[in-house]
Amino acid sequence: MSLEPIEIRKIAYLSRLDILDQDIPTYSRNLADILTLVEQMNDVDTTGVVPMAHPLDMPQRLRADEIGEISELINREYLQAIAPQVESGLYLVPKVIDY
């Protein structure tokens, strides 16, 4: 599978990568190799293979869900007092998604 330069530029834009035009052939080869590997993995017969959430067969350590005393470190007013920007009880953060 080969990727056209315009596809590489689009992937770079979506990944927020600034790549040089001279590096596009290298990126194209590398991405094509990755996609070929994914295709090979899709062809593997996994009939009878049980999906796993973790590669090690061990139980998850869980703690009891108990109500405890609220300390200063998890107090909402305390945390909002030291936050850079708060409005109406909400934390204000920079916009991170482009439309």
N, C-alpha and C. Protein backbone atom coordinates (compact mmCIF):
# COMPACT_ATOMS: atom_id res chain seq x y z
N MET A 1 0.86 -1.18 0.00
CA MET A 1 0.00 0.00 0.00
C MET A 1 0.90 1.23 0.00
N SER A 2 0.70 2.10 -0.96
CA SER A 2 1.50 3.32 -1.00
C SER A 2 0.60 4.51 -0.68
N LEU A 3 1.19 5.48 -0.06
CA LEU A 3 0.46 6.69 0.31
C LEU A 3 0.97 7.85 -0.54
N GLU A 4 0.04 8.63 -1.02
CA GLU A 4 0.39 9.80 -1.84
C GLU A 4 0.88 10.94 -0.93
N PRO A 5 1.70 11.84 -1.49
CA PRO A 5 2.19 12.97 -0.68
C PRO A 5 1.07 13.78 -0.03
N ILE A 6 -0.06 13.94 -0.72
CA ILE A 6 -1.16 14.71 -0.14
C ILE A 6 -1.73 14.00 1.09
N GLU A 7 -1.75 12.66 1.07
CA GLU A 7 -2.22 11.89 2.23
C GLU A 7 -1.25 12.03 3.40
N ILE A 8 0.04 12.03 3.09
CA ILE A 8 1.06 12.20 4.14
C ILE A 8 0.93 13.58 4.77
N ARG A 9 0.72 14.60 3.94
CA ARG A 9 0.55 15.96 4.48
C ARG A 9 -0.69 16.05 5.37
N LYS A 10 -1.78 15.39 4.96
CA LYS A 10 -3.00 15.41 5.75
C LYS A 10 -2.79 14.70 7.08
N ILE A 11 -2.13 13.55 7.06
CA ILE A 11 -1.84 12.81 8.29
C ILE A 11 -0.94 13.66 9.20
N ALA A 12 0.04 14.31 8.61
CA ALA A 12 0.93 15.17 9.39
C ALA A 12 0.16 16.31 10.03
N TYR A 13 -0.76 16.91 9.27
CA TYR A 13 -1.57 18.01 9.81
C TYR A 13 -2.42 17.52 10.97
N LEU A 14 -3.09 16.39 10.78
CA LEU A 14 -3.94 15.85 11.84
C LEU A 14 -3.14 15.46 13.08
N SER A 15 -1.88 15.06 12.86
CA SER A 15 -0.99 14.68 13.97
C SER A 15 -0.25 15.87 14.54
N ARG A 16 -0.46 17.03 13.95
CA ARG A 16 0.22 18.26 14.35
C ARG A 16 1.74 18.10 14.23
N LEU A 17 2.16 17.47 13.13
CA LEU A 17 3.58 17.31 12.84
C LEU A 17 3.95 18.24 11.69
N ASP A 18 5.09 18.86 11.84
CA ASP A 18 5.59 19.72 10.77
C ASP A 18 6.71 18.95 10.09
N ILE A 19 6.42 18.38 8.93
CA ILE A 19 7.43 17.59 8.23
C ILE A 19 7.87 18.33 6.98
N LEU A 20 9.10 18.10 6.62
CA LEU A 20 9.68 18.73 5.43
C LEU A 20 9.27 17.94 4.19
N ASP A 21 9.17 18.64 3.05
CA ASP A 21 8.78 17.98 1.80
C ASP A 21 9.76 16.85 1.44
N GLN A 22 11.03 17.05 1.74
CA GLN A 22 12.03 16.04 1.39
C GLN A 22 11.89 14.77 2.24
N ASP A 23 11.18 14.86 3.39
CA ASP A 23 11.00 13.69 4.26
C ASP A 23 9.72 12.91 3.93
N ILE A 24 8.90 13.42 3.05
CA ILE A 24 7.63 12.76 2.73
C ILE A 24 7.82 11.34 2.21
N PRO A 25 8.76 11.08 1.31
CA PRO A 25 8.93 9.69 0.84
C PRO A 25 9.26 8.71 1.99
N THR A 26 10.07 9.15 2.93
CA THR A 26 10.42 8.30 4.07
C THR A 26 9.19 8.02 4.93
N TYR A 27 8.42 9.07 5.20
CA TYR A 27 7.18 8.90 5.98
C TYR A 27 6.22 7.97 5.23
N SER A 28 6.13 8.14 3.93
CA SER A 28 5.24 7.31 3.13
C SER A 28 5.62 5.84 3.23
N ARG A 29 6.91 5.54 3.10
CA ARG A 29 7.40 4.15 3.21
C ARG A 29 7.11 3.58 4.59
N ASN A 30 7.43 4.37 5.63
CA ASN A 30 7.24 3.88 7.00
C ASN A 30 5.76 3.63 7.32
N LEU A 31 4.90 4.55 6.93
CA LEU A 31 3.48 4.37 7.18
C LEU A 31 2.93 3.20 6.37
N ALA A 32 3.39 3.04 5.15
CA ALA A 32 2.96 1.90 4.33
C ALA A 32 3.37 0.59 4.98
N ASP A 33 4.57 0.54 5.54
CA ASP A 33 5.03 -0.66 6.25
C ASP A 33 4.15 -0.96 7.45
N ILE A 34 3.76 0.07 8.18
CA ILE A 34 2.89 -0.11 9.35
C ILE A 34 1.53 -0.63 8.91
N LEU A 35 0.97 -0.04 7.86
CA LEU A 35 -0.34 -0.48 7.37
C LEU A 35 -0.29 -1.90 6.84
N THR A 36 0.82 -2.28 6.21
CA THR A 36 0.99 -3.66 5.74
C THR A 36 1.02 -4.62 6.93
N LEU A 37 1.70 -4.24 7.99
CA LEU A 37 1.75 -5.08 9.19
C LEU A 37 0.35 -5.23 9.80
N VAL A 38 -0.42 -4.16 9.83
CA VAL A 38 -1.78 -4.22 10.35
C VAL A 38 -2.63 -5.15 9.50
N GLU A 39 -2.46 -5.09 8.17
CA GLU A 39 -3.20 -6.00 7.29
C GLU A 39 -2.83 -7.45 7.57
N GLN A 40 -1.54 -7.72 7.78
CA GLN A 40 -1.10 -9.08 8.10
C GLN A 40 -1.70 -9.54 9.42
N MET A 41 -1.76 -8.65 10.40
CA MET A 41 -2.33 -9.02 11.70
C MET A 41 -3.83 -9.29 11.58
N ASN A 42 -4.52 -8.55 10.71
CA ASN A 42 -5.95 -8.78 10.49
C ASN A 42 -6.21 -10.13 9.85
N ASP A 43 -5.25 -10.67 9.12
CA ASP A 43 -5.41 -11.96 8.45
C ASP A 43 -5.19 -13.15 9.38
N VAL A 44 -4.69 -12.93 10.57
CA VAL A 44 -4.42 -14.02 11.51
C VAL A 44 -5.74 -14.58 12.03
N ASP A 45 -5.84 -15.92 12.04
CA ASP A 45 -7.05 -16.58 12.54
C ASP A 45 -7.01 -16.58 14.07
N THR A 46 -7.93 -15.86 14.67
CA THR A 46 -7.99 -15.77 16.13
C THR A 46 -9.19 -16.53 16.69
N THR A 47 -9.73 -17.46 15.91
CA THR A 47 -10.86 -18.25 16.38
C THR A 47 -10.45 -19.02 17.64
N GLY A 48 -11.24 -18.89 18.66
CA GLY A 48 -10.96 -19.61 19.91
C GLY A 48 -10.02 -18.89 20.84
N VAL A 49 -9.51 -17.73 20.44
CA VAL A 49 -8.63 -16.97 21.31
C VAL A 49 -9.49 -16.05 22.17
N VAL A 50 -9.34 -16.17 23.47
CA VAL A 50 -10.14 -15.37 24.39
C VAL A 50 -9.54 -13.97 24.50
N PRO A 51 -10.34 -12.92 24.28
CA PRO A 51 -9.82 -11.55 24.44
C PRO A 51 -9.36 -11.32 25.88
N MET A 52 -8.30 -10.56 26.01
CA MET A 52 -7.75 -10.29 27.33
C MET A 52 -7.72 -8.79 27.58
N ALA A 53 -7.95 -8.41 28.83
CA ALA A 53 -7.83 -7.01 29.20
C ALA A 53 -6.40 -6.69 29.62
N HIS A 54 -5.64 -7.73 29.96
CA HIS A 54 -4.28 -7.56 30.44
C HIS A 54 -3.48 -8.79 30.04
N PRO A 55 -2.22 -8.64 29.65
CA PRO A 55 -1.46 -9.80 29.20
C PRO A 55 -1.10 -10.79 30.32
N LEU A 56 -1.17 -10.38 31.56
CA LEU A 56 -0.85 -11.28 32.67
C LEU A 56 -2.14 -11.82 33.28
N ASP A 57 -2.15 -13.10 33.56
CA ASP A 57 -3.34 -13.72 34.15
C ASP A 57 -3.28 -13.55 35.66
N MET A 58 -3.76 -12.42 36.13
CA MET A 58 -3.76 -12.14 37.56
C MET A 58 -4.95 -11.27 37.90
N PRO A 59 -5.48 -11.42 39.10
CA PRO A 59 -6.64 -10.61 39.48
C PRO A 59 -6.25 -9.15 39.71
N GLN A 60 -7.21 -8.29 39.51
CA GLN A 60 -6.98 -6.87 39.74
C GLN A 60 -7.15 -6.58 41.23
N ARG A 61 -6.20 -5.85 41.77
CA ARG A 61 -6.30 -5.49 43.19
C ARG A 61 -7.25 -4.32 43.34
N LEU A 62 -8.34 -4.54 44.04
CA LEU A 62 -9.33 -3.50 44.25
C LEU A 62 -9.39 -3.17 45.73
N ARG A 63 -9.68 -1.94 46.02
CA ARG A 63 -9.88 -1.54 47.41
C ARG A 63 -11.36 -1.36 47.66
N ALA A 64 -11.73 -1.44 48.90
CA ALA A 64 -13.12 -1.24 49.25
C ALA A 64 -13.52 0.21 48.97
N ASP A 65 -14.72 0.41 48.48
CA ASP A 65 -15.23 1.74 48.21
C ASP A 65 -15.89 2.26 49.49
N GLU A 66 -15.13 3.02 50.25
CA GLU A 66 -15.60 3.49 51.54
C GLU A 66 -15.57 5.01 51.59
N ILE A 67 -16.55 5.57 52.30
CA ILE A 67 -16.58 7.02 52.51
C ILE A 67 -15.61 7.34 53.63
N GLY A 68 -14.76 8.32 53.38
CA GLY A 68 -13.78 8.71 54.38
C GLY A 68 -13.81 10.20 54.61
N GLU A 69 -12.92 10.66 55.43
CA GLU A 69 -12.83 12.08 55.74
C GLU A 69 -12.23 12.82 54.56
N ILE A 70 -12.82 13.97 54.21
CA ILE A 70 -12.30 14.78 53.11
C ILE A 70 -11.12 15.60 53.63
N SER A 71 -10.00 15.39 53.02
CA SER A 71 -8.81 16.13 53.45
C SER A 71 -8.72 17.44 52.68
N GLU A 72 -7.81 18.28 53.10
CA GLU A 72 -7.59 19.58 52.45
C GLU A 72 -7.15 19.39 51.00
N LEU A 73 -6.46 18.28 50.72
CA LEU A 73 -5.92 18.07 49.38
C LEU A 73 -6.99 17.74 48.35
N ILE A 74 -8.15 17.26 48.78
CA ILE A 74 -9.21 16.98 47.81
C ILE A 74 -10.41 17.90 48.02
N ASN A 75 -10.21 18.98 48.72
CA ASN A 75 -11.26 19.95 48.97
C ASN A 75 -11.41 20.84 47.74
N ARG A 76 -12.64 20.93 47.20
CA ARG A 76 -12.89 21.67 45.97
C ARG A 76 -12.49 23.14 46.09
N GLU A 77 -12.88 23.78 47.16
CA GLU A 77 -12.56 25.20 47.33
C GLU A 77 -11.04 25.42 47.36
N TYR A 78 -10.34 24.54 48.05
CA TYR A 78 -8.88 24.65 48.14
C TYR A 78 -8.26 24.51 46.75
N LEU A 79 -8.71 23.49 46.00
CA LEU A 79 -8.11 23.25 44.68
C LEU A 79 -8.45 24.37 43.70
N GLN A 80 -9.66 24.93 43.79
CA GLN A 80 -10.01 26.00 42.88
C GLN A 80 -9.31 27.30 43.24
N ALA A 81 -8.95 27.46 44.49
CA ALA A 81 -8.23 28.67 44.91
C ALA A 81 -6.83 28.71 44.30
N ILE A 82 -6.24 27.55 44.05
CA ILE A 82 -4.88 27.51 43.49
C ILE A 82 -4.88 27.27 41.98
N ALA A 83 -6.07 27.10 41.38
CA ALA A 83 -6.16 26.86 39.93
C ALA A 83 -5.90 28.16 39.17
N PRO A 84 -5.31 28.07 37.98
CA PRO A 84 -5.03 29.28 37.20
C PRO A 84 -6.30 30.06 36.82
N GLN A 85 -7.35 29.35 36.39
CA GLN A 85 -8.58 30.03 35.99
C GLN A 85 -9.79 29.21 36.41
N VAL A 86 -10.72 29.87 37.11
CA VAL A 86 -11.95 29.22 37.55
C VAL A 86 -13.10 30.20 37.33
N GLU A 87 -14.24 29.67 36.91
CA GLU A 87 -15.41 30.52 36.73
C GLU A 87 -16.66 29.70 37.07
N SER A 88 -17.48 30.22 37.97
CA SER A 88 -18.72 29.57 38.39
C SER A 88 -18.49 28.14 38.87
N GLY A 89 -17.40 27.93 39.58
CA GLY A 89 -17.12 26.60 40.12
C GLY A 89 -16.52 25.62 39.12
N LEU A 90 -16.19 26.09 37.91
CA LEU A 90 -15.63 25.22 36.87
C LEU A 90 -14.20 25.65 36.56
N TYR A 91 -13.37 24.68 36.22
CA TYR A 91 -12.00 24.97 35.81
C TYR A 91 -12.01 25.38 34.34
N LEU A 92 -11.34 26.48 34.02
CA LEU A 92 -11.23 26.93 32.64
C LEU A 92 -9.90 26.45 32.08
N VAL A 93 -9.96 25.82 30.90
CA VAL A 93 -8.76 25.28 30.27
C VAL A 93 -8.68 25.80 28.84
N PRO A 94 -7.48 25.80 28.25
CA PRO A 94 -7.35 26.26 26.87
C PRO A 94 -8.08 25.33 25.91
N LYS A 95 -8.55 25.89 24.81
CA LYS A 95 -9.19 25.09 23.77
C LYS A 95 -8.13 24.20 23.12
N VAL A 96 -8.43 22.90 22.99
CA VAL A 96 -7.44 21.98 22.42
C VAL A 96 -7.95 21.28 21.17
N ILE A 97 -9.20 21.51 20.77
CA ILE A 97 -9.74 20.85 19.60
C ILE A 97 -10.05 21.89 18.53
N ASP A 98 -9.52 21.68 17.34
CA ASP A 98 -9.78 22.54 16.19
C ASP A 98 -10.94 21.97 15.40
N TYR A 99 -11.81 22.85 14.95
CA TYR A 99 -12.93 22.39 14.12
C TYR A 99 -12.68 22.70 12.68
